[in-house]
């Protein structure tokens, strides 16, 4: 009492399927806009900014002073660097 499985046969289509070509009219075509090249402003490099270096093992007074200046917006964190066993935070000076 087993059910016999029927094999499905894939038959080719009577007519081949061909994609339709879209007809474009003059109204649907967008005109080409020629733009003049935009001159980019020269970016400032890291070397153009004045920086402050603070060691991670600096006094708590010095670190507090730096964090206050960052909150006021006078400084912004530039990057963090490691030199052997010592690590440093570098800050850009925004206001003088």
PDB file of N, CA and C in Angstrom:
ATOM      1  N   UNK A   1       0.807  -1.182   0.000  1.00  0.00           N
ATOM      2  CA  UNK A   1       0.000   0.000   0.000  1.00  0.00           C
ATOM      3  C   UNK A   1       0.861   1.260   0.000  1.00  0.00           C
ATOM      4  N   UNK A   2       1.680   1.327  -0.879  1.00  0.00           N
ATOM      5  CA  UNK A   2       2.484   2.535  -1.015  1.00  0.00           C
ATOM      6  C   UNK A   2       1.920   3.382  -2.144  1.00  0.00           C
ATOM      7  N   UNK A   3       2.068   4.646  -1.954  1.00  0.00           N
ATOM      8  CA  UNK A   3       1.604   5.564  -2.991  1.00  0.00           C
ATOM      9  C   UNK A   3       2.713   5.751  -4.010  1.00  0.00           C
ATOM     10  N   UNK A   4       2.344   5.681  -5.230  1.00  0.00           N
ATOM     11  CA  UNK A   4       3.329   5.899  -6.280  1.00  0.00           C
ATOM     12  C   UNK A   4       3.428   7.382  -6.572  1.00  0.00           C
ATOM     13  N   UNK A   5       4.655   7.811  -6.705  1.00  0.00           N
ATOM     14  CA  UNK A   5       4.881   9.225  -7.006  1.00  0.00           C
ATOM     15  C   UNK A   5       4.867   9.433  -8.508  1.00  0.00           C
ATOM     16  N   UNK A   6       4.215  10.497  -8.887  1.00  0.00           N
ATOM     17  CA  UNK A   6       4.175  10.819 -10.299  1.00  0.00           C
ATOM     18  C   UNK A   6       5.254  11.850 -10.591  1.00  0.00           C
ATOM     19  N   UNK A   7       5.981  11.641 -11.642  1.00  0.00           N
ATOM     20  CA  UNK A   7       7.015  12.581 -12.042  1.00  0.00           C
ATOM     21  C   UNK A   7       6.364  13.733 -12.789  1.00  0.00           C
ATOM     22  N   UNK A   8       6.791  14.947 -12.435  1.00  0.00           N
ATOM     23  CA  UNK A   8       6.271  16.105 -13.148  1.00  0.00           C
ATOM     24  C   UNK A   8       7.191  16.392 -14.328  1.00  0.00           C
ATOM     25  N   UNK A   9       6.592  16.673 -15.418  1.00  0.00           N
ATOM     26  CA  UNK A   9       7.342  16.923 -16.638  1.00  0.00           C
ATOM     27  C   UNK A   9       7.231  18.399 -16.964  1.00  0.00           C
ATOM     28  N   UNK A  10       8.374  19.026 -17.197  1.00  0.00           N
ATOM     29  CA  UNK A  10       8.384  20.446 -17.547  1.00  0.00           C
ATOM     30  C   UNK A  10       8.321  20.552 -19.059  1.00  0.00           C
ATOM     31  N   UNK A  11       7.277  21.232 -19.509  1.00  0.00           N
ATOM     32  CA  UNK A  11       7.074  21.376 -20.947  1.00  0.00           C
ATOM     33  C   UNK A  11       7.499  22.780 -21.362  1.00  0.00           C
ATOM     34  N   UNK A  12       8.127  22.909 -22.506  1.00  0.00           N
ATOM     35  CA  UNK A  12       8.499  24.242 -22.978  1.00  0.00           C
ATOM     36  C   UNK A  12       7.259  25.029 -23.397  1.00  0.00           C
ATOM     37  N   UNK A  13       7.377  26.364 -23.283  1.00  0.00           N
ATOM     38  CA  UNK A  13       6.259  27.225 -23.651  1.00  0.00           C
ATOM     39  C   UNK A  13       6.039  27.145 -25.153  1.00  0.00           C
ATOM     40  N   UNK A  14       4.794  27.382 -25.554  1.00  0.00           N
ATOM     41  CA  UNK A  14       4.452  27.304 -26.966  1.00  0.00           C
ATOM     42  C   UNK A  14       5.193  28.375 -27.764  1.00  0.00           C
ATOM     43  N   UNK A  15       5.231  29.589 -27.213  1.00  0.00           N
ATOM     44  CA  UNK A  15       5.952  30.674 -27.876  1.00  0.00           C
ATOM     45  C   UNK A  15       7.016  31.192 -26.903  1.00  0.00           C
ATOM     46  N   UNK A  16       8.183  31.502 -27.394  1.00  0.00           N
ATOM     47  CA  UNK A  16       9.226  31.999 -26.485  1.00  0.00           C
ATOM     48  C   UNK A  16       8.845  33.357 -25.907  1.00  0.00           C
ATOM     49  N   UNK A  17       9.231  33.583 -24.661  1.00  0.00           N
ATOM     50  CA  UNK A  17       8.931  34.848 -23.982  1.00  0.00           C
ATOM     51  C   UNK A  17      10.039  35.837 -24.310  1.00  0.00           C
ATOM     52  N   UNK A  18       9.659  36.968 -24.871  1.00  0.00           N
ATOM     53  CA  UNK A  18      10.606  37.999 -25.275  1.00  0.00           C
ATOM     54  C   UNK A  18      10.252  39.271 -24.509  1.00  0.00           C
ATOM     55  N   UNK A  19      11.218  39.915 -23.866  1.00  0.00           N
ATOM     56  CA  UNK A  19      10.891  41.148 -23.152  1.00  0.00           C
ATOM     57  C   UNK A  19      10.483  42.251 -24.121  1.00  0.00           C
ATOM     58  N   UNK A  20       9.546  43.085 -23.652  1.00  0.00           N
ATOM     59  CA  UNK A  20       9.058  44.180 -24.488  1.00  0.00           C
ATOM     60  C   UNK A  20      10.003  45.362 -24.380  1.00  0.00           C
ATOM     61  N   UNK A  21      10.183  46.034 -25.487  1.00  0.00           N
ATOM     62  CA  UNK A  21      11.008  47.237 -25.500  1.00  0.00           C
ATOM     63  C   UNK A  21      10.140  48.427 -25.130  1.00  0.00           C
ATOM     64  N   UNK A  22      10.692  49.273 -24.276  1.00  0.00           N
ATOM     65  CA  UNK A  22       9.960  50.478 -23.891  1.00  0.00           C
ATOM     66  C   UNK A  22      10.164  51.557 -24.939  1.00  0.00           C
ATOM     67  N   UNK A  23       9.097  52.194 -25.254  1.00  0.00           N
ATOM     68  CA  UNK A  23       9.187  53.300 -26.195  1.00  0.00           C
ATOM     69  C   UNK A  23       9.284  54.590 -25.399  1.00  0.00           C
ATOM     70  N   UNK A  24      10.299  55.374 -25.687  1.00  0.00           N
ATOM     71  CA  UNK A  24      10.475  56.639 -24.985  1.00  0.00           C
ATOM     72  C   UNK A  24      10.027  57.766 -25.894  1.00  0.00           C
ATOM     73  N   UNK A  25       9.359  58.701 -25.279  1.00  0.00           N
ATOM     74  CA  UNK A  25       8.922  59.872 -26.029  1.00  0.00           C
ATOM     75  C   UNK A  25       9.789  61.055 -25.625  1.00  0.00           C
ATOM     76  N   UNK A  26       9.647  62.111 -26.338  1.00  0.00           N
ATOM     77  CA  UNK A  26      10.433  63.312 -26.063  1.00  0.00           C
ATOM     78  C   UNK A  26      10.083  63.872 -24.692  1.00  0.00           C
ATOM     79  N   UNK A  27       8.854  63.738 -24.268  1.00  0.00           N
ATOM     80  CA  UNK A  27       8.415  64.280 -22.979  1.00  0.00           C
ATOM     81  C   UNK A  27       9.052  63.546 -21.807  1.00  0.00           C
ATOM     82  N   UNK A  28       9.251  62.242 -21.934  1.00  0.00           N
ATOM     83  CA  UNK A  28       9.785  61.475 -20.818  1.00  0.00           C
ATOM     84  C   UNK A  28      11.307  61.563 -20.710  1.00  0.00           C
ATOM     85  N   UNK A  29      11.983  61.927 -21.780  1.00  0.00           N
ATOM     86  CA  UNK A  29      13.427  62.050 -21.708  1.00  0.00           C
ATOM     87  C   UNK A  29      13.799  63.311 -20.949  1.00  0.00           C
ATOM     88  N   UNK A  30      14.768  63.179 -20.039  1.00  0.00           N
ATOM     89  CA  UNK A  30      15.201  64.335 -19.268  1.00  0.00           C
ATOM     90  C   UNK A  30      16.340  65.031 -20.002  1.00  0.00           C
ATOM     91  N   UNK A  31      16.295  66.347 -20.016  1.00  0.00           N
ATOM     92  CA  UNK A  31      17.374  67.065 -20.702  1.00  0.00           C
ATOM     93  C   UNK A  31      18.689  66.923 -19.922  1.00  0.00           C
ATOM     94  N   UNK A  32      19.778  66.912 -20.639  1.00  0.00           N
ATOM     95  CA  UNK A  32      21.080  66.811 -19.995  1.00  0.00           C
ATOM     96  C   UNK A  32      21.474  68.184 -19.461  1.00  0.00           C
ATOM     97  N   UNK A  33      21.843  68.199 -18.205  1.00  0.00           N
ATOM     98  CA  UNK A  33      22.239  69.449 -17.571  1.00  0.00           C
ATOM     99  C   UNK A  33      23.757  69.432 -17.428  1.00  0.00           C
ATOM    100  N   UNK A  34      24.386  70.412 -17.986  1.00  0.00           N
ATOM    101  CA  UNK A  34      25.839  70.505 -17.887  1.00  0.00           C
ATOM    102  C   UNK A  34      26.163  71.454 -16.744  1.00  0.00           C
ATOM    103  N   UNK A  35      26.815  70.903 -15.731  1.00  0.00           N
ATOM    104  CA  UNK A  35      27.158  71.708 -14.558  1.00  0.00           C
ATOM    105  C   UNK A  35      28.633  72.067 -14.605  1.00  0.00           C
ATOM    106  N   UNK A  36      28.925  73.242 -14.118  1.00  0.00           N
ATOM    107  CA  UNK A  36      30.316  73.650 -14.030  1.00  0.00           C
ATOM    108  C   UNK A  36      30.960  72.937 -12.850  1.00  0.00           C
ATOM    109  N   UNK A  37      32.220  72.593 -12.967  1.00  0.00           N
ATOM    110  CA  UNK A  37      32.866  71.901 -11.865  1.00  0.00           C
ATOM    111  C   UNK A  37      32.932  72.785 -10.621  1.00  0.00           C
ATOM    112  N   UNK A  38      32.662  72.171  -9.488  1.00  0.00           N
ATOM    113  CA  UNK A  38      32.678  72.899  -8.228  1.00  0.00           C
ATOM    114  C   UNK A  38      34.096  72.866  -7.673  1.00  0.00           C
ATOM    115  N   UNK A  39      34.594  74.014  -7.318  1.00  0.00           N
ATOM    116  CA  UNK A  39      35.940  74.092  -6.753  1.00  0.00           C
ATOM    117  C   UNK A  39      35.840  73.780  -5.272  1.00  0.00           C
ATOM    118  N   UNK A  40      36.541  72.737  -4.862  1.00  0.00           N
ATOM    119  CA  UNK A  40      36.501  72.334  -3.464  1.00  0.00           C
ATOM    120  C   UNK A  40      37.423  73.218  -2.643  1.00  0.00           C
ATOM    121  N   UNK A  41      36.970  73.495  -1.431  1.00  0.00           N
ATOM    122  CA  UNK A  41      37.817  74.255  -0.536  1.00  0.00           C
ATOM    123  C   UNK A  41      38.957  73.369  -0.065  1.00  0.00           C
ATOM    124  N   UNK A  42      40.084  73.985   0.139  1.00  0.00           N
ATOM    125  CA  UNK A  42      41.232  73.217   0.587  1.00  0.00           C
ATOM    126  C   UNK A  42      41.024  72.802   2.033  1.00  0.00           C
ATOM    127  N   UNK A  43      41.166  71.517   2.296  1.00  0.00           N
ATOM    128  CA  UNK A  43      40.979  71.009   3.650  1.00  0.00           C
ATOM    129  C   UNK A  43      42.182  71.359   4.505  1.00  0.00           C
ATOM    130  N   UNK A  44      41.899  71.597   5.761  1.00  0.00           N
ATOM    131  CA  UNK A  44      42.987  71.835   6.682  1.00  0.00           C
ATOM    132  C   UNK A  44      43.553  70.497   7.134  1.00  0.00           C
ATOM    133  N   UNK A  45      44.843  70.417   7.241  1.00  0.00           N
ATOM    134  CA  UNK A  45      45.492  69.198   7.690  1.00  0.00           C
ATOM    135  C   UNK A  45      45.671  69.244   9.193  1.00  0.00           C
ATOM    136  N   UNK A  46      45.966  68.093   9.756  1.00  0.00           N
ATOM    137  CA  UNK A  46      46.210  68.033  11.193  1.00  0.00           C
ATOM    138  C   UNK A  46      47.372  68.932  11.579  1.00  0.00           C
ATOM    139  N   UNK A  47      48.348  69.043  10.700  1.00  0.00           N
ATOM    140  CA  UNK A  47      49.524  69.854  11.014  1.00  0.00           C
ATOM    141  C   UNK A  47      49.199  71.345  11.034  1.00  0.00           C
ATOM    142  N   UNK A  48      48.070  71.758  10.403  1.00  0.00           N
ATOM    143  CA  UNK A  48      47.695  73.173  10.397  1.00  0.00           C
ATOM    144  C   UNK A  48      47.099  73.611  11.730  1.00  0.00           C
ATOM    145  N   UNK A  49      46.607  72.674  12.530  1.00  0.00           N
ATOM    146  CA  UNK A  49      45.989  73.005  13.803  1.00  0.00           C
ATOM    147  C   UNK A  49      47.023  72.961  14.920  1.00  0.00           C
ATOM    148  N   UNK A  50      46.802  73.779  15.921  1.00  0.00           N
ATOM    149  CA  UNK A  50      47.629  73.701  17.115  1.00  0.00           C
ATOM    150  C   UNK A  50      47.028  72.628  18.018  1.00  0.00           C
ATOM    151  N   UNK A  51      47.895  71.827  18.611  1.00  0.00           N
ATOM    152  CA  UNK A  51      47.412  70.734  19.439  1.00  0.00           C
ATOM    153  C   UNK A  51      48.003  70.797  20.838  1.00  0.00           C
ATOM    154  N   UNK A  52      47.325  70.138  21.746  1.00  0.00           N
ATOM    155  CA  UNK A  52      47.791  69.973  23.118  1.00  0.00           C
ATOM    156  C   UNK A  52      47.895  68.480  23.356  1.00  0.00           C
ATOM    157  N   UNK A  53      48.999  68.040  23.979  1.00  0.00           N
ATOM    158  CA  UNK A  53      49.188  66.631  24.278  1.00  0.00           C
ATOM    159  C   UNK A  53      49.085  66.428  25.783  1.00  0.00           C
ATOM    160  N   UNK A  54      48.259  65.487  26.188  1.00  0.00           N
ATOM    161  CA  UNK A  54      48.066  65.184  27.606  1.00  0.00           C
ATOM    162  C   UNK A  54      48.306  63.694  27.801  1.00  0.00           C
ATOM    163  N   UNK A  55      49.206  63.352  28.698  1.00  0.00           N
ATOM    164  CA  UNK A  55      49.480  61.948  28.986  1.00  0.00           C
ATOM    165  C   UNK A  55      48.329  61.361  29.794  1.00  0.00           C
ATOM    166  N   UNK A  56      48.090  60.081  29.614  1.00  0.00           N
ATOM    167  CA  UNK A  56      46.986  59.455  30.335  1.00  0.00           C
ATOM    168  C   UNK A  56      47.297  59.303  31.823  1.00  0.00           C
ATOM    169  N   UNK A  57      48.567  59.373  32.201  1.00  0.00           N
ATOM    170  CA  UNK A  57      48.919  59.310  33.615  1.00  0.00           C
ATOM    171  C   UNK A  57      49.207  60.706  34.185  1.00  0.00           C
ATOM    172  N   UNK A  58      48.623  61.748  33.585  1.00  0.00           N
ATOM    173  CA  UNK A  58      48.823  63.127  34.055  1.00  0.00           C
ATOM    174  C   UNK A  58      48.094  63.343  35.382  1.00  0.00           C
ATOM    175  N   UNK A  59      48.444  64.442  36.046  1.00  0.00           N
ATOM    176  CA  UNK A  59      47.791  64.782  37.316  1.00  0.00           C
ATOM    177  C   UNK A  59      46.298  64.950  37.116  1.00  0.00           C
ATOM    178  N   UNK A  60      45.537  64.674  38.149  1.00  0.00           N
ATOM    179  CA  UNK A  60      44.081  64.797  38.075  1.00  0.00           C
ATOM    180  C   UNK A  60      43.669  66.256  37.872  1.00  0.00           C
ATOM    181  N   UNK A  61      44.463  67.183  38.392  1.00  0.00           N
ATOM    182  CA  UNK A  61      44.167  68.612  38.208  1.00  0.00           C
ATOM    183  C   UNK A  61      44.276  68.993  36.730  1.00  0.00           C
ATOM    184  N   UNK A  62      45.328  68.526  36.079  1.00  0.00           N
ATOM    185  CA  UNK A  62      45.534  68.854  34.672  1.00  0.00           C
ATOM    186  C   UNK A  62      44.440  68.228  33.801  1.00  0.00           C
ATOM    187  N   UNK A  63      44.075  66.984  34.068  1.00  0.00           N
ATOM    188  CA  UNK A  63      43.026  66.330  33.310  1.00  0.00           C
ATOM    189  C   UNK A  63      41.677  66.988  33.523  1.00  0.00           C
ATOM    190  N   UNK A  64      41.404  67.458  34.734  1.00  0.00           N
ATOM    191  CA  UNK A  64      40.155  68.172  35.037  1.00  0.00           C
ATOM    192  C   UNK A  64      40.101  69.490  34.258  1.00  0.00           C
ATOM    193  N   UNK A  65      41.243  70.193  34.210  1.00  0.00           N
ATOM    194  CA  UNK A  65      41.321  71.459  33.485  1.00  0.00           C
ATOM    195  C   UNK A  65      41.053  71.238  31.985  1.00  0.00           C
ATOM    196  N   UNK A  66      41.624  70.174  31.431  1.00  0.00           N
ATOM    197  CA  UNK A  66      41.418  69.865  30.013  1.00  0.00           C
ATOM    198  C   UNK A  66      39.957  69.490  29.752  1.00  0.00           C
ATOM    199  N   UNK A  67      39.364  68.675  30.618  1.00  0.00           N
ATOM    200  CA  UNK A  67      37.972  68.272  30.398  1.00  0.00           C
ATOM    201  C   UNK A  67      37.015  69.454  30.503  1.00  0.00           C
ATOM    202  N   UNK A  68      37.328  70.428  31.375  1.00  0.00           N
ATOM    203  CA  UNK A  68      36.507  71.648  31.454  1.00  0.00           C
ATOM    204  C   UNK A  68      36.589  72.435  30.147  1.00  0.00           C
ATOM    205  N   UNK A  69      37.787  72.529  29.575  1.00  0.00           N
ATOM    206  CA  UNK A  69      37.960  73.257  28.313  1.00  0.00           C
ATOM    207  C   UNK A  69      37.245  72.548  27.159  1.00  0.00           C
ATOM    208  N   UNK A  70      37.204  71.227  27.200  1.00  0.00           N
ATOM    209  CA  UNK A  70      36.491  70.476  26.167  1.00  0.00           C
ATOM    210  C   UNK A  70      34.991  70.734  26.270  1.00  0.00           C
ATOM    211  N   UNK A  71      34.466  70.773  27.502  1.00  0.00           N
ATOM    212  CA  UNK A  71      33.034  71.034  27.688  1.00  0.00           C
ATOM    213  C   UNK A  71      32.661  72.441  27.258  1.00  0.00           C
ATOM    214  N   UNK A  72      33.566  73.400  27.421  1.00  0.00           N
ATOM    215  CA  UNK A  72      33.298  74.775  26.999  1.00  0.00           C
ATOM    216  C   UNK A  72      33.394  74.928  25.486  1.00  0.00           C
ATOM    217  N   UNK A  73      34.058  73.985  24.820  1.00  0.00           N
ATOM    218  CA  UNK A  73      34.206  74.062  23.370  1.00  0.00           C
ATOM    219  C   UNK A  73      35.517  74.672  22.931  1.00  0.00           C
ATOM    220  N   UNK A  74      36.430  74.937  23.853  1.00  0.00           N
ATOM    221  CA  UNK A  74      37.720  75.506  23.492  1.00  0.00           C
ATOM    222  C   UNK A  74      38.630  74.449  22.861  1.00  0.00           C
ATOM    223  N   UNK A  75      38.464  73.189  23.234  1.00  0.00           N
ATOM    224  CA  UNK A  75      39.267  72.093  22.708  1.00  0.00           C
ATOM    225  C   UNK A  75      38.350  71.006  22.158  1.00  0.00           C
ATOM    226  N   UNK A  76      38.886  70.223  21.215  1.00  0.00           N
ATOM    227  CA  UNK A  76      38.168  69.044  20.742  1.00  0.00           C
ATOM    228  C   UNK A  76      39.178  67.917  20.596  1.00  0.00           C
ATOM    229  N   UNK A  77      38.747  66.708  20.902  1.00  0.00           N
ATOM    230  CA  UNK A  77      39.634  65.561  20.868  1.00  0.00           C
ATOM    231  C   UNK A  77      40.059  65.282  19.441  1.00  0.00           C
ATOM    232  N   UNK A  78      41.360  65.216  19.217  1.00  0.00           N
ATOM    233  CA  UNK A  78      41.877  64.951  17.876  1.00  0.00           C
ATOM    234  C   UNK A  78      42.112  63.469  17.682  1.00  0.00           C
ATOM    235  N   UNK A  79      42.960  62.890  18.498  1.00  0.00           N
ATOM    236  CA  UNK A  79      43.230  61.465  18.388  1.00  0.00           C
ATOM    237  C   UNK A  79      43.907  60.966  19.645  1.00  0.00           C
ATOM    238  N   UNK A  80      44.042  59.654  19.737  1.00  0.00           N
ATOM    239  CA  UNK A  80      44.636  58.984  20.877  1.00  0.00           C
ATOM    240  C   UNK A  80      45.828  58.200  20.343  1.00  0.00           C
ATOM    241  N   UNK A  81      46.989  58.330  20.992  1.00  0.00           N
ATOM    242  CA  UNK A  81      48.188  57.659  20.501  1.00  0.00           C
ATOM    243  C   UNK A  81      48.866  56.905  21.626  1.00  0.00           C
ATOM    244  N   UNK A  82      49.530  55.815  21.268  1.00  0.00           N
ATOM    245  CA  UNK A  82      50.270  55.003  22.221  1.00  0.00           C
ATOM    246  C   UNK A  82      51.726  54.989  21.789  1.00  0.00           C
ATOM    247  N   UNK A  83      52.622  55.272  22.734  1.00  0.00           N
ATOM    248  CA  UNK A  83      54.052  55.251  22.461  1.00  0.00           C
ATOM    249  C   UNK A  83      54.702  54.347  23.503  1.00  0.00           C
ATOM    250  N   UNK A  84      54.875  53.093  23.135  1.00  0.00           N
ATOM    251  CA  UNK A  84      55.452  52.140  24.088  1.00  0.00           C
ATOM    252  C   UNK A  84      54.475  51.877  25.219  1.00  0.00           C
ATOM    253  N   UNK A  85      54.892  52.203  26.448  1.00  0.00           N
ATOM    254  CA  UNK A  85      54.035  52.006  27.608  1.00  0.00           C
ATOM    255  C   UNK A  85      53.181  53.230  27.911  1.00  0.00           C
ATOM    256  N   UNK A  86      53.492  54.359  27.305  1.00  0.00           N
ATOM    257  CA  UNK A  86      52.757  55.602  27.573  1.00  0.00           C
ATOM    258  C   UNK A  86      51.695  55.831  26.510  1.00  0.00           C
ATOM    259  N   UNK A  87      50.610  56.454  26.918  1.00  0.00           N
ATOM    260  CA  UNK A  87      49.550  56.798  25.970  1.00  0.00           C
ATOM    261  C   UNK A  87      49.211  58.274  26.136  1.00  0.00           C
ATOM    262  N   UNK A  88      48.783  58.887  25.058  1.00  0.00           N
ATOM    263  CA  UNK A  88      48.527  60.318  25.039  1.00  0.00           C
ATOM    264  C   UNK A  88      47.199  60.608  24.354  1.00  0.00           C
ATOM    265  N   UNK A  89      46.539  61.670  24.829  1.00  0.00           N
ATOM    266  CA  UNK A  89      45.368  62.233  24.171  1.00  0.00           C
ATOM    267  C   UNK A  89      45.821  63.543  23.537  1.00  0.00           C
ATOM    268  N   UNK A  90      45.482  63.730  22.271  1.00  0.00           N
ATOM    269  CA  UNK A  90      45.808  64.966  21.573  1.00  0.00           C
ATOM    270  C   UNK A  90      44.512  65.733  21.343  1.00  0.00           C
ATOM    271  N   UNK A  91      44.541  67.026  21.586  1.00  0.00           N
ATOM    272  CA  UNK A  91      43.372  67.887  21.452  1.00  0.00           C
ATOM    273  C   UNK A  91      43.685  69.028  20.502  1.00  0.00           C
ATOM    274  N   UNK A  92      42.720  69.362  19.612  1.00  0.00           N
ATOM    275  CA  UNK A  92      42.830  70.537  18.757  1.00  0.00           C
ATOM    276  C   UNK A  92      42.369  71.749  19.565  1.00  0.00           C
ATOM    277  N   UNK A  93      43.026  72.887  19.362  1.00  0.00           N
ATOM    278  CA  UNK A  93      42.621  74.129  20.021  1.00  0.00           C
ATOM    279  C   UNK A  93      41.650  74.843  19.083  1.00  0.00           C
ATOM    280  N   UNK A  94      40.392  74.985  19.511  1.00  0.00           N
ATOM    281  CA  UNK A  94      39.376  75.647  18.685  1.00  0.00           C
ATOM    282  C   UNK A  94      39.397  77.160  18.875  1.00  0.00           C
ATOM    283  N   UNK A  95      39.579  77.618  20.090  1.00  0.00           N
ATOM    284  CA  UNK A  95      39.592  79.037  20.399  1.00  0.00           C
ATOM    285  C   UNK A  95      40.902  79.385  21.074  1.00  0.00           C
ATOM    286  N   UNK A  96      41.371  80.566  20.844  1.00  0.00           N
ATOM    287  CA  UNK A  96      42.595  81.001  21.498  1.00  0.00           C
ATOM    288  C   UNK A  96      42.281  82.058  22.541  1.00  0.00           C
TER     289      UNK A  96
END
